[in-house]
Each structure stands twice: as structure tokens, then as C-alpha cells.
N, C-alpha and C. Protein backbone atom coordinates (compact mmCIF):
# COMPACT_ATOMS: atom_id res chain seq x y z
N MET A 1 -11.28 -4.15 -19.49
CA MET A 1 -11.24 -3.18 -18.08
C MET A 1 -10.43 -3.65 -16.83
N LYS A 2 -10.62 -4.88 -17.03
CA LYS A 2 -9.74 -5.33 -15.60
C LYS A 2 -8.06 -5.14 -15.73
N GLN A 3 -7.76 -4.90 -16.97
CA GLN A 3 -6.32 -4.17 -17.13
C GLN A 3 -6.25 -2.99 -16.93
N LYS A 4 -7.01 -2.36 -17.27
CA LYS A 4 -7.06 -0.97 -17.04
C LYS A 4 -7.05 -0.37 -15.62
N VAL A 5 -7.56 -1.26 -14.92
CA VAL A 5 -7.97 -0.98 -13.49
C VAL A 5 -6.50 -1.45 -12.74
N ILE A 6 -5.84 -2.68 -13.07
CA ILE A 6 -5.13 -3.29 -12.45
C ILE A 6 -3.67 -2.25 -12.65
N TYR A 7 -3.45 -1.92 -13.75
CA TYR A 7 -2.30 -1.22 -14.38
C TYR A 7 -1.81 -0.27 -13.38
N PRO A 8 -2.63 1.01 -13.07
CA PRO A 8 -2.81 2.09 -12.18
C PRO A 8 -2.38 1.55 -10.78
N ILE A 9 -2.90 0.24 -10.16
CA ILE A 9 -2.48 -0.22 -8.77
C ILE A 9 -1.46 -0.67 -8.84
N LYS A 10 -1.00 -1.42 -9.69
CA LYS A 10 0.54 -1.68 -9.89
C LYS A 10 1.45 -0.76 -9.66
N SER A 11 1.20 -0.24 -10.45
CA SER A 11 2.46 1.25 -10.57
C SER A 11 1.95 2.01 -9.33
N LEU A 12 1.23 2.12 -8.61
CA LEU A 12 1.44 2.75 -7.52
C LEU A 12 1.83 2.24 -6.31
N LEU A 13 1.71 0.85 -6.55
CA LEU A 13 2.21 -0.01 -5.26
C LEU A 13 3.87 -0.04 -5.52
N LEU A 14 4.41 0.05 -7.12
CA LEU A 14 5.72 -0.07 -7.40
C LEU A 14 6.36 1.65 -6.82
N ASN A 15 5.53 2.61 -7.27
CA ASN A 15 6.13 3.72 -6.48
C ASN A 15 6.09 4.03 -4.79
N LYS A 16 5.02 3.16 -4.35
CA LYS A 16 5.23 3.38 -3.05
C LYS A 16 6.25 2.55 -2.33
N ARG A 17 6.74 1.27 -3.10
CA ARG A 17 7.98 0.58 -2.93
C ARG A 17 9.22 1.44 -3.13
N HIS A 18 9.13 1.97 -4.13
CA HIS A 18 10.36 2.98 -4.66
C HIS A 18 10.60 3.96 -3.34
N ILE A 19 9.22 4.46 -3.36
CA ILE A 19 9.77 5.81 -2.35
C ILE A 19 9.88 5.22 -0.58
N ILE A 20 9.60 4.29 -0.73
CA ILE A 20 10.05 3.69 0.56
C ILE A 20 11.60 3.13 0.69
N GLU A 21 11.99 2.46 -0.34
CA GLU A 21 13.45 2.19 -0.56
C GLU A 21 14.17 3.39 -0.48
N ILE A 22 13.68 4.49 -1.07
CA ILE A 22 15.01 5.86 -0.85
C ILE A 22 14.64 6.66 0.26
N ILE A 23 13.74 6.45 1.08
CA ILE A 23 13.44 6.60 2.31
C ILE A 23 14.36 5.58 3.21
N ASN A 24 14.48 4.62 2.71
CA ASN A 24 15.13 3.53 3.64
C ASN A 24 16.46 4.33 3.84
N ASP A 25 17.22 4.11 2.40
CA ASP A 25 18.54 4.28 1.69
C ASP A 25 18.85 6.11 2.51
N GLN A 26 18.12 6.72 2.78
CA GLN A 26 18.22 8.25 2.95
C GLN A 26 18.80 7.96 4.53
N LEU A 27 17.99 7.23 5.26
CA LEU A 27 18.26 7.00 6.77
C LEU A 27 19.15 6.33 7.09
N LYS A 28 19.52 5.26 6.41
CA LYS A 28 20.62 4.64 6.31
C LYS A 28 22.15 5.28 6.33
N HIS A 29 22.04 6.15 5.29
CA HIS A 29 23.09 6.86 4.88
C HIS A 29 23.05 7.96 5.97
N LEU A 30 22.08 8.77 6.60
CA LEU A 30 22.36 9.84 7.75
C LEU A 30 22.94 8.90 8.97
N PHE A 31 22.17 8.00 9.06
CA PHE A 31 22.74 6.76 10.17
C PHE A 31 24.26 6.63 10.51
N ARG A 32 24.48 6.30 9.24
CA ARG A 32 25.83 5.84 8.91
C ARG A 32 26.77 7.25 8.96
N ILE A 33 26.61 8.45 8.54
CA ILE A 33 27.37 9.82 8.81
C ILE A 33 27.46 9.77 10.13
N ASP A 34 26.01 10.11 10.97
CA ASP A 34 26.06 10.20 12.45
C ASP A 34 26.86 9.36 13.30
N TYR A 35 26.80 7.90 13.00
CA TYR A 35 27.92 6.78 13.25
C TYR A 35 28.92 7.16 13.46
N THR A 36 29.40 7.14 12.14
CA THR A 36 30.68 7.06 11.95
C THR A 36 31.60 8.70 12.27
N HIS A 37 30.85 9.42 12.43
CA HIS A 37 31.39 10.70 13.08
C HIS A 37 31.40 10.65 14.53
N HIS A 38 30.57 10.24 15.08
CA HIS A 38 30.88 9.80 16.58
C HIS A 38 32.40 8.71 17.02
N ARG A 39 32.18 7.83 15.84
CA ARG A 39 33.14 6.68 16.30
C ARG A 39 34.29 6.98 15.28
N TYR A 40 34.62 7.86 14.97
CA TYR A 40 35.44 8.12 13.85
C TYR A 40 36.82 7.51 14.11
N ARG A 41 37.27 7.59 15.56
CA ARG A 41 38.79 7.12 15.53
C ARG A 41 38.82 5.82 15.58
N ASP A 42 37.58 5.25 15.65
CA ASP A 42 37.37 3.48 15.94
C ASP A 42 37.56 3.17 14.55
N LYS A 43 38.73 2.71 14.05
CA LYS A 43 38.83 2.60 12.22
C LYS A 43 37.49 1.12 11.96
N ASN A 44 37.94 -0.08 13.04
CA ASN A 44 37.20 -1.18 13.22
C ASN A 44 35.72 -0.95 12.89
N GLN A 45 35.15 -0.11 13.74
CA GLN A 45 33.86 0.18 14.02
C GLN A 45 33.33 0.74 12.38
N SER A 46 34.15 1.74 12.01
CA SER A 46 33.62 2.51 10.64
C SER A 46 33.63 1.41 9.63
N GLU A 47 34.82 0.47 9.71
CA GLU A 47 34.55 -0.39 8.33
C GLU A 47 33.26 -1.40 8.44
N ILE A 48 32.80 -1.55 9.83
CA ILE A 48 31.70 -2.44 9.82
C ILE A 48 30.61 -1.75 9.33
N ILE A 49 30.41 -0.42 9.76
CA ILE A 49 29.50 0.11 9.24
C ILE A 49 29.16 0.82 7.82
N ILE A 50 30.68 0.82 7.11
CA ILE A 50 30.66 0.73 5.90
C ILE A 50 29.74 -0.23 4.84
N LEU A 51 30.29 -1.34 5.47
CA LEU A 51 29.78 -2.59 4.89
C LEU A 51 28.39 -2.75 5.07
């Protein structure tokens, strides 16, 4: 019985973590584009952001 209860909880946690990672990646991506757009002429700045 315990395994049947634990498994869905684990999968839920993994899904939550996965969703959070996706959201973080999207935010980073958006921020990076926005930031490089504003600092496009400063090559050093855009290199730092890409890293």
C-alpha cells in the first residue's frame, strides 16, 4: 500500500520541479534577449550574459 501512495507523490514532485525548471529557463531566455537587446553594442556585456 505504501508504494502505491508514495509513487504518485514522487511523480508529482518531479513534475513540479520540471515545470519550475522550464519556467526558469523561459525567464532566463526572455531576460537574456531583453538584456542583450538593450546592450547590443557592448560586446563584452553580451558575452557575459551568454555565459
